[in-house]
């Protein structure tokens, strides 16, 4: 399961993208969230979160997204921080 992460983490572009995503979460994403707080997300959302992570113990994850979107469904997944993903680099 973790093999895909190990494989893709060998690419400098992958590590760069991960770092940029974390930077954005602590900076520009906050400004974007504030600007859009009164708007509802118009596309349907599938919300997945980690059973072993802290979020569902701190708040109701699905309810939070249902309040922010016109339609959201989802469930907790039996994972840790990393979800298994299948992707291929071209």
PDB file of N, CA and C in Angstrom:
ATOM      1  N   UNK A   1       0.817  -1.188   0.000  1.00  0.00           N
ATOM      2  CA  UNK A   1       0.000   0.000   0.000  1.00  0.00           C
ATOM      3  C   UNK A   1       0.865   1.258   0.000  1.00  0.00           C
ATOM      4  N   UNK A   2       1.857   1.302   0.834  1.00  0.00           N
ATOM      5  CA  UNK A   2       2.714   2.477   0.968  1.00  0.00           C
ATOM      6  C   UNK A   2       3.717   2.580  -0.177  1.00  0.00           C
ATOM      7  N   UNK A   3       3.841   1.533  -0.957  1.00  0.00           N
ATOM      8  CA  UNK A   3       4.837   1.484  -2.049  1.00  0.00           C
ATOM      9  C   UNK A   3       4.643   2.612  -3.068  1.00  0.00           C
ATOM     10  N   UNK A   4       3.394   2.953  -3.355  1.00  0.00           N
ATOM     11  CA  UNK A   4       3.140   4.012  -4.347  1.00  0.00           C
ATOM     12  C   UNK A   4       3.666   5.359  -3.857  1.00  0.00           C
ATOM     13  N   UNK A   5       3.504   5.638  -2.584  1.00  0.00           N
ATOM     14  CA  UNK A   5       4.063   6.869  -2.026  1.00  0.00           C
ATOM     15  C   UNK A   5       5.589   6.851  -2.109  1.00  0.00           C
ATOM     16  N   UNK A   6       6.186   5.757  -1.717  1.00  0.00           N
ATOM     17  CA  UNK A   6       7.648   5.667  -1.776  1.00  0.00           C
ATOM     18  C   UNK A   6       8.150   5.842  -3.206  1.00  0.00           C
ATOM     19  N   UNK A   7       7.442   5.242  -4.143  1.00  0.00           N
ATOM     20  CA  UNK A   7       7.845   5.353  -5.547  1.00  0.00           C
ATOM     21  C   UNK A   7       7.756   6.800  -6.031  1.00  0.00           C
ATOM     22  N   UNK A   8       6.648   7.471  -5.762  1.00  0.00           N
ATOM     23  CA  UNK A   8       6.476   8.828  -6.285  1.00  0.00           C
ATOM     24  C   UNK A   8       7.250   9.871  -5.494  1.00  0.00           C
ATOM     25  N   UNK A   9       7.569   9.588  -4.226  1.00  0.00           N
ATOM     26  CA  UNK A   9       8.352  10.530  -3.437  1.00  0.00           C
ATOM     27  C   UNK A   9       9.801  10.616  -3.915  1.00  0.00           C
ATOM     28  N   UNK A  10      10.193   9.768  -4.807  1.00  0.00           N
ATOM     29  CA  UNK A  10      11.547   9.838  -5.386  1.00  0.00           C
ATOM     30  C   UNK A  10      11.673  10.944  -6.429  1.00  0.00           C
ATOM     31  N   UNK A  11      10.545  11.466  -6.887  1.00  0.00           N
ATOM     32  CA  UNK A  11      10.568  12.506  -7.911  1.00  0.00           C
ATOM     33  C   UNK A  11      10.643  13.880  -7.252  1.00  0.00           C
ATOM     34  N   UNK A  12      11.610  14.688  -7.617  1.00  0.00           N
ATOM     35  CA  UNK A  12      11.697  16.039  -7.045  1.00  0.00           C
ATOM     36  C   UNK A  12      10.424  16.859  -7.251  1.00  0.00           C
ATOM     37  N   UNK A  13       9.763  16.697  -8.389  1.00  0.00           N
ATOM     38  CA  UNK A  13       8.524  17.450  -8.640  1.00  0.00           C
ATOM     39  C   UNK A  13       7.428  17.079  -7.637  1.00  0.00           C
ATOM     40  N   UNK A  14       7.390  15.833  -7.223  1.00  0.00           N
ATOM     41  CA  UNK A  14       6.399  15.400  -6.233  1.00  0.00           C
ATOM     42  C   UNK A  14       6.658  16.074  -4.898  1.00  0.00           C
ATOM     43  N   UNK A  15       7.893  16.043  -4.451  1.00  0.00           N
ATOM     44  CA  UNK A  15       8.240  16.671  -3.169  1.00  0.00           C
ATOM     45  C   UNK A  15       7.979  18.176  -3.231  1.00  0.00           C
ATOM     46  N   UNK A  16       8.326  18.806  -4.337  1.00  0.00           N
ATOM     47  CA  UNK A  16       8.073  20.239  -4.503  1.00  0.00           C
ATOM     48  C   UNK A  16       6.571  20.531  -4.398  1.00  0.00           C
ATOM     49  N   UNK A  17       5.748  19.731  -5.072  1.00  0.00           N
ATOM     50  CA  UNK A  17       4.299  19.944  -5.046  1.00  0.00           C
ATOM     51  C   UNK A  17       3.733  19.767  -3.636  1.00  0.00           C
ATOM     52  N   UNK A  18       4.205  18.766  -2.915  1.00  0.00           N
ATOM     53  CA  UNK A  18       3.744  18.539  -1.546  1.00  0.00           C
ATOM     54  C   UNK A  18       4.104  19.737  -0.665  1.00  0.00           C
ATOM     55  N   UNK A  19       5.326  20.218  -0.790  1.00  0.00           N
ATOM     56  CA  UNK A  19       5.753  21.377   0.003  1.00  0.00           C
ATOM     57  C   UNK A  19       4.935  22.617  -0.339  1.00  0.00           C
ATOM     58  N   UNK A  20       4.657  22.831  -1.617  1.00  0.00           N
ATOM     59  CA  UNK A  20       3.859  23.984  -2.028  1.00  0.00           C
ATOM     60  C   UNK A  20       2.436  23.883  -1.490  1.00  0.00           C
ATOM     61  N   UNK A  21       1.884  22.680  -1.462  1.00  0.00           N
ATOM     62  CA  UNK A  21       0.539  22.499  -0.924  1.00  0.00           C
ATOM     63  C   UNK A  21       0.500  22.845   0.565  1.00  0.00           C
ATOM     64  N   UNK A  22       1.485  22.394   1.331  1.00  0.00           N
ATOM     65  CA  UNK A  22       1.550  22.726   2.760  1.00  0.00           C
ATOM     66  C   UNK A  22       1.761  24.224   2.975  1.00  0.00           C
ATOM     67  N   UNK A  23       2.614  24.848   2.145  1.00  0.00           N
ATOM     68  CA  UNK A  23       2.819  26.295   2.263  1.00  0.00           C
ATOM     69  C   UNK A  23       1.513  27.049   2.012  1.00  0.00           C
ATOM     70  N   UNK A  24       0.797  26.635   0.966  1.00  0.00           N
ATOM     71  CA  UNK A  24      -0.462  27.301   0.628  1.00  0.00           C
ATOM     72  C   UNK A  24      -1.472  27.172   1.763  1.00  0.00           C
ATOM     73  N   UNK A  25      -1.512  26.018   2.401  1.00  0.00           N
ATOM     74  CA  UNK A  25      -2.468  25.798   3.496  1.00  0.00           C
ATOM     75  C   UNK A  25      -2.239  26.765   4.643  1.00  0.00           C
ATOM     76  N   UNK A  26      -1.016  27.212   4.816  1.00  0.00           N
ATOM     77  CA  UNK A  26      -0.684  28.125   5.913  1.00  0.00           C
ATOM     78  C   UNK A  26      -0.619  29.585   5.458  1.00  0.00           C
ATOM     79  N   UNK A  27      -0.988  29.848   4.212  1.00  0.00           N
ATOM     80  CA  UNK A  27      -0.886  31.223   3.728  1.00  0.00           C
ATOM     81  C   UNK A  27      -2.071  31.567   2.822  1.00  0.00           C
ATOM     82  N   UNK A  28      -1.907  31.457   1.535  1.00  0.00           N
ATOM     83  CA  UNK A  28      -2.914  31.928   0.573  1.00  0.00           C
ATOM     84  C   UNK A  28      -4.253  31.209   0.723  1.00  0.00           C
ATOM     85  N   UNK A  29      -4.241  29.943   1.125  1.00  0.00           N
ATOM     86  CA  UNK A  29      -5.502  29.228   1.316  1.00  0.00           C
ATOM     87  C   UNK A  29      -6.365  29.906   2.380  1.00  0.00           C
ATOM     88  N   UNK A  30      -5.738  30.457   3.403  1.00  0.00           N
ATOM     89  CA  UNK A  30      -6.488  31.146   4.460  1.00  0.00           C
ATOM     90  C   UNK A  30      -7.211  32.373   3.906  1.00  0.00           C
ATOM     91  N   UNK A  31      -6.536  33.117   3.048  1.00  0.00           N
ATOM     92  CA  UNK A  31      -7.155  34.293   2.425  1.00  0.00           C
ATOM     93  C   UNK A  31      -8.283  33.871   1.484  1.00  0.00           C
ATOM     94  N   UNK A  32      -8.060  32.822   0.718  1.00  0.00           N
ATOM     95  CA  UNK A  32      -9.104  32.326  -0.194  1.00  0.00           C
ATOM     96  C   UNK A  32     -10.314  31.833   0.596  1.00  0.00           C
ATOM     97  N   UNK A  33     -10.082  31.113   1.676  1.00  0.00           N
ATOM     98  CA  UNK A  33     -11.185  30.632   2.505  1.00  0.00           C
ATOM     99  C   UNK A  33     -12.004  31.793   3.065  1.00  0.00           C
ATOM    100  N   UNK A  34     -11.325  32.800   3.545  1.00  0.00           N
ATOM    101  CA  UNK A  34     -12.017  33.963   4.118  1.00  0.00           C
ATOM    102  C   UNK A  34     -12.864  34.658   3.052  1.00  0.00           C
ATOM    103  N   UNK A  35     -12.314  34.807   1.855  1.00  0.00           N
ATOM    104  CA  UNK A  35     -13.029  35.484   0.770  1.00  0.00           C
ATOM    105  C   UNK A  35     -14.253  34.688   0.318  1.00  0.00           C
ATOM    106  N   UNK A  36     -14.202  33.373   0.437  1.00  0.00           N
ATOM    107  CA  UNK A  36     -15.281  32.511  -0.057  1.00  0.00           C
ATOM    108  C   UNK A  36     -16.178  31.955   1.035  1.00  0.00           C
ATOM    109  N   UNK A  37     -16.008  32.410   2.254  1.00  0.00           N
ATOM    110  CA  UNK A  37     -16.708  31.824   3.392  1.00  0.00           C
ATOM    111  C   UNK A  37     -18.229  31.800   3.233  1.00  0.00           C
ATOM    112  N   UNK A  38     -18.784  32.805   2.611  1.00  0.00           N
ATOM    113  CA  UNK A  38     -20.244  32.879   2.461  1.00  0.00           C
ATOM    114  C   UNK A  38     -20.760  32.146   1.226  1.00  0.00           C
ATOM    115  N   UNK A  39     -19.861  31.612   0.408  1.00  0.00           N
ATOM    116  CA  UNK A  39     -20.256  30.910  -0.815  1.00  0.00           C
ATOM    117  C   UNK A  39     -20.292  29.406  -0.554  1.00  0.00           C
ATOM    118  N   UNK A  40     -21.199  28.720  -1.253  1.00  0.00           N
ATOM    119  CA  UNK A  40     -21.244  27.258  -1.172  1.00  0.00           C
ATOM    120  C   UNK A  40     -20.527  26.670  -2.383  1.00  0.00           C
ATOM    121  N   UNK A  41     -19.804  25.610  -2.154  1.00  0.00           N
ATOM    122  CA  UNK A  41     -19.158  24.871  -3.244  1.00  0.00           C
ATOM    123  C   UNK A  41     -20.266  24.256  -4.089  1.00  0.00           C
ATOM    124  N   UNK A  42     -20.218  24.471  -5.395  1.00  0.00           N
ATOM    125  CA  UNK A  42     -21.326  24.087  -6.264  1.00  0.00           C
ATOM    126  C   UNK A  42     -21.242  22.658  -6.804  1.00  0.00           C
ATOM    127  N   UNK A  43     -20.078  22.063  -6.801  1.00  0.00           N
ATOM    128  CA  UNK A  43     -19.970  20.690  -7.297  1.00  0.00           C
ATOM    129  C   UNK A  43     -20.160  19.709  -6.139  1.00  0.00           C
ATOM    130  N   UNK A  44     -20.569  18.504  -6.466  1.00  0.00           N
ATOM    131  CA  UNK A  44     -20.731  17.461  -5.452  1.00  0.00           C
ATOM    132  C   UNK A  44     -19.366  17.070  -4.904  1.00  0.00           C
ATOM    133  N   UNK A  45     -19.317  16.810  -3.605  1.00  0.00           N
ATOM    134  CA  UNK A  45     -18.067  16.432  -2.962  1.00  0.00           C
ATOM    135  C   UNK A  45     -18.133  15.009  -2.429  1.00  0.00           C
ATOM    136  N   UNK A  46     -17.037  14.298  -2.589  1.00  0.00           N
ATOM    137  CA  UNK A  46     -16.830  13.030  -1.902  1.00  0.00           C
ATOM    138  C   UNK A  46     -15.743  13.297  -0.875  1.00  0.00           C
ATOM    139  N   UNK A  47     -16.108  13.258   0.385  1.00  0.00           N
ATOM    140  CA  UNK A  47     -15.205  13.604   1.475  1.00  0.00           C
ATOM    141  C   UNK A  47     -14.712  12.316   2.130  1.00  0.00           C
ATOM    142  N   UNK A  48     -13.398  12.134   2.137  1.00  0.00           N
ATOM    143  CA  UNK A  48     -12.779  10.971   2.767  1.00  0.00           C
ATOM    144  C   UNK A  48     -11.759  11.461   3.778  1.00  0.00           C
ATOM    145  N   UNK A  49     -11.733  10.853   4.945  1.00  0.00           N
ATOM    146  CA  UNK A  49     -10.757  11.241   5.958  1.00  0.00           C
ATOM    147  C   UNK A  49     -10.268  10.005   6.681  1.00  0.00           C
ATOM    148  N   UNK A  50      -9.134  10.164   7.335  1.00  0.00           N
ATOM    149  CA  UNK A  50      -8.422   9.059   7.964  1.00  0.00           C
ATOM    150  C   UNK A  50      -8.980   8.704   9.335  1.00  0.00           C
ATOM    151  N   UNK A  51      -9.247   7.440   9.535  1.00  0.00           N
ATOM    152  CA  UNK A  51      -9.704   6.938  10.832  1.00  0.00           C
ATOM    153  C   UNK A  51      -8.646   7.156  11.916  1.00  0.00           C
ATOM    154  N   UNK A  52      -7.381   7.063  11.520  1.00  0.00           N
ATOM    155  CA  UNK A  52      -6.296   7.188  12.485  1.00  0.00           C
ATOM    156  C   UNK A  52      -5.813   8.627  12.638  1.00  0.00           C
ATOM    157  N   UNK A  53      -6.383   9.534  11.880  1.00  0.00           N
ATOM    158  CA  UNK A  53      -6.020  10.936  11.995  1.00  0.00           C
ATOM    159  C   UNK A  53      -6.837  11.636  13.062  1.00  0.00           C
ATOM    160  N   UNK A  54      -6.516  12.881  13.365  1.00  0.00           N
ATOM    161  CA  UNK A  54      -7.167  13.587  14.474  1.00  0.00           C
ATOM    162  C   UNK A  54      -8.491  14.260  14.126  1.00  0.00           C
ATOM    163  N   UNK A  55      -8.767  14.478  12.840  1.00  0.00           N
ATOM    164  CA  UNK A  55      -9.856  15.376  12.476  1.00  0.00           C
ATOM    165  C   UNK A  55     -11.224  14.938  12.981  1.00  0.00           C
ATOM    166  N   UNK A  56     -11.593  13.683  12.804  1.00  0.00           N
ATOM    167  CA  UNK A  56     -12.937  13.266  13.200  1.00  0.00           C
ATOM    168  C   UNK A  56     -13.107  13.225  14.722  1.00  0.00           C
ATOM    169  N   UNK A  57     -12.001  13.291  15.451  1.00  0.00           N
ATOM    170  CA  UNK A  57     -12.105  13.375  16.911  1.00  0.00           C
ATOM    171  C   UNK A  57     -12.276  14.825  17.363  1.00  0.00           C
ATOM    172  N   UNK A  58     -11.932  15.763  16.494  1.00  0.00           N
ATOM    173  CA  UNK A  58     -12.010  17.182  16.840  1.00  0.00           C
ATOM    174  C   UNK A  58     -13.343  17.803  16.407  1.00  0.00           C
ATOM    175  N   UNK A  59     -13.886  17.329  15.289  1.00  0.00           N
ATOM    176  CA  UNK A  59     -15.143  17.882  14.777  1.00  0.00           C
ATOM    177  C   UNK A  59     -15.776  16.890  13.819  1.00  0.00           C
ATOM    178  N   UNK A  60     -17.009  17.139  13.448  1.00  0.00           N
ATOM    179  CA  UNK A  60     -17.727  16.285  12.503  1.00  0.00           C
ATOM    180  C   UNK A  60     -17.300  16.683  11.081  1.00  0.00           C
ATOM    181  N   UNK A  61     -16.412  15.911  10.507  1.00  0.00           N
ATOM    182  CA  UNK A  61     -15.821  16.247   9.205  1.00  0.00           C
ATOM    183  C   UNK A  61     -16.895  16.356   8.123  1.00  0.00           C
ATOM    184  N   UNK A  62     -17.740  15.351   8.016  1.00  0.00           N
ATOM    185  CA  UNK A  62     -18.751  15.365   6.955  1.00  0.00           C
ATOM    186  C   UNK A  62     -19.731  16.524   7.124  1.00  0.00           C
ATOM    187  N   UNK A  63     -20.183  16.769   8.320  1.00  0.00           N
ATOM    188  CA  UNK A  63     -21.113  17.874   8.554  1.00  0.00           C
ATOM    189  C   UNK A  63     -20.485  19.208   8.156  1.00  0.00           C
ATOM    190  N   UNK A  64     -19.211  19.378   8.459  1.00  0.00           N
ATOM    191  CA  UNK A  64     -18.517  20.611   8.090  1.00  0.00           C
ATOM    192  C   UNK A  64     -18.572  20.838   6.586  1.00  0.00           C
ATOM    193  N   UNK A  65     -18.292  19.797   5.800  1.00  0.00           N
ATOM    194  CA  UNK A  65     -18.321  19.946   4.345  1.00  0.00           C
ATOM    195  C   UNK A  65     -19.750  20.053   3.823  1.00  0.00           C
ATOM    196  N   UNK A  66     -20.702  19.406   4.474  1.00  0.00           N
ATOM    197  CA  UNK A  66     -22.101  19.542   4.056  1.00  0.00           C
ATOM    198  C   UNK A  66     -22.584  20.978   4.254  1.00  0.00           C
ATOM    199  N   UNK A  67     -22.058  21.665   5.238  1.00  0.00           N
ATOM    200  CA  UNK A  67     -22.400  23.069   5.449  1.00  0.00           C
ATOM    201  C   UNK A  67     -21.753  23.980   4.416  1.00  0.00           C
ATOM    202  N   UNK A  68     -20.659  23.540   3.816  1.00  0.00           N
ATOM    203  CA  UNK A  68     -19.909  24.373   2.868  1.00  0.00           C
ATOM    204  C   UNK A  68     -20.215  24.069   1.402  1.00  0.00           C
ATOM    205  N   UNK A  69     -20.956  22.984   1.126  1.00  0.00           N
ATOM    206  CA  UNK A  69     -21.214  22.568  -0.254  1.00  0.00           C
ATOM    207  C   UNK A  69     -22.705  22.319  -0.465  1.00  0.00           C
ATOM    208  N   UNK A  70     -23.124  22.392  -1.731  1.00  0.00           N
ATOM    209  CA  UNK A  70     -24.525  22.096  -2.031  1.00  0.00           C
ATOM    210  C   UNK A  70     -24.813  20.611  -1.844  1.00  0.00           C
ATOM    211  N   UNK A  71     -23.804  19.760  -2.033  1.00  0.00           N
ATOM    212  CA  UNK A  71     -23.982  18.333  -1.801  1.00  0.00           C
ATOM    213  C   UNK A  71     -22.647  17.706  -1.434  1.00  0.00           C
ATOM    214  N   UNK A  72     -22.611  17.011  -0.316  1.00  0.00           N
ATOM    215  CA  UNK A  72     -21.391  16.334   0.119  1.00  0.00           C
ATOM    216  C   UNK A  72     -21.762  15.027   0.800  1.00  0.00           C
ATOM    217  N   UNK A  73     -21.045  13.996   0.442  1.00  0.00           N
ATOM    218  CA  UNK A  73     -21.189  12.712   1.112  1.00  0.00           C
ATOM    219  C   UNK A  73     -19.791  12.174   1.350  1.00  0.00           C
ATOM    220  N   UNK A  74     -19.669  11.221   2.247  1.00  0.00           N
ATOM    221  CA  UNK A  74     -18.353  10.684   2.513  1.00  0.00           C
ATOM    222  C   UNK A  74     -18.336   9.747   3.696  1.00  0.00           C
ATOM    223  N   UNK A  75     -17.119   9.332   4.028  1.00  0.00           N
ATOM    224  CA  UNK A  75     -16.957   8.420   5.155  1.00  0.00           C
ATOM    225  C   UNK A  75     -15.511   8.398   5.602  1.00  0.00           C
ATOM    226  N   UNK A  76     -15.328   7.898   6.804  1.00  0.00           N
ATOM    227  CA  UNK A  76     -14.000   7.713   7.358  1.00  0.00           C
ATOM    228  C   UNK A  76     -13.377   6.476   6.693  1.00  0.00           C
ATOM    229  N   UNK A  77     -12.084   6.548   6.433  1.00  0.00           N
ATOM    230  CA  UNK A  77     -11.377   5.429   5.814  1.00  0.00           C
ATOM    231  C   UNK A  77     -10.421   4.802   6.826  1.00  0.00           C
ATOM    232  N   UNK A  78     -10.245   3.480   6.787  1.00  0.00           N
ATOM    233  CA  UNK A  78      -9.382   2.789   7.760  1.00  0.00           C
ATOM    234  C   UNK A  78      -7.905   2.949   7.412  1.00  0.00           C
ATOM    235  N   UNK A  79      -7.414   4.181   7.493  1.00  0.00           N
ATOM    236  CA  UNK A  79      -6.037   4.472   7.100  1.00  0.00           C
ATOM    237  C   UNK A  79      -5.395   5.414   8.108  1.00  0.00           C
ATOM    238  N   UNK A  80      -4.118   5.656   7.872  1.00  0.00           N
ATOM    239  CA  UNK A  80      -3.395   6.692   8.581  1.00  0.00           C
ATOM    240  C   UNK A  80      -3.365   7.931   7.714  1.00  0.00           C
ATOM    241  N   UNK A  81      -2.299   8.696   7.814  1.00  0.00           N
ATOM    242  CA  UNK A  81      -2.170   9.957   7.081  1.00  0.00           C
ATOM    243  C   UNK A  81      -2.235   9.752   5.569  1.00  0.00           C
ATOM    244  N   UNK A  82      -1.611   8.706   5.068  1.00  0.00           N
ATOM    245  CA  UNK A  82      -1.520   8.484   3.632  1.00  0.00           C
ATOM    246  C   UNK A  82      -2.627   7.564   3.136  1.00  0.00           C
ATOM    247  N   UNK A  83      -3.298   7.981   2.073  1.00  0.00           N
ATOM    248  CA  UNK A  83      -4.261   7.147   1.385  1.00  0.00           C
ATOM    249  C   UNK A  83      -3.542   6.488   0.215  1.00  0.00           C
ATOM    250  N   UNK A  84      -3.940   5.307  -0.131  1.00  0.00           N
ATOM    251  CA  UNK A  84      -3.381   4.652  -1.312  1.00  0.00           C
ATOM    252  C   UNK A  84      -3.984   5.306  -2.544  1.00  0.00           C
ATOM    253  N   UNK A  85      -3.135   5.712  -3.467  1.00  0.00           N
ATOM    254  CA  UNK A  85      -3.610   6.291  -4.710  1.00  0.00           C
ATOM    255  C   UNK A  85      -2.947   5.571  -5.868  1.00  0.00           C
ATOM    256  N   UNK A  86      -3.626   5.533  -6.947  1.00  0.00           N
ATOM    257  CA  UNK A  86      -3.062   4.946  -8.154  1.00  0.00           C
ATOM    258  C   UNK A  86      -2.912   6.064  -9.184  1.00  0.00           C
ATOM    259  N   UNK A  87      -1.715   6.352  -9.570  1.00  0.00           N
ATOM    260  CA  UNK A  87      -1.479   7.346 -10.592  1.00  0.00           C
ATOM    261  C   UNK A  87      -0.245   6.944 -11.371  1.00  0.00           C
ATOM    262  N   UNK A  88      -0.193   7.378 -12.577  1.00  0.00           N
ATOM    263  CA  UNK A  88       0.966   7.067 -13.403  1.00  0.00           C
ATOM    264  C   UNK A  88       1.576   8.375 -13.911  1.00  0.00           C
ATOM    265  N   UNK A  89       2.857   8.415 -13.880  1.00  0.00           N
ATOM    266  CA  UNK A  89       3.559   9.592 -14.403  1.00  0.00           C
ATOM    267  C   UNK A  89       3.834   9.345 -15.879  1.00  0.00           C
ATOM    268  N   UNK A  90       3.477  10.310 -16.715  1.00  0.00           N
ATOM    269  CA  UNK A  90       3.711  10.185 -18.166  1.00  0.00           C
ATOM    270  C   UNK A  90       5.085  10.680 -18.524  1.00  0.00           C
TER     271      UNK A  90
END
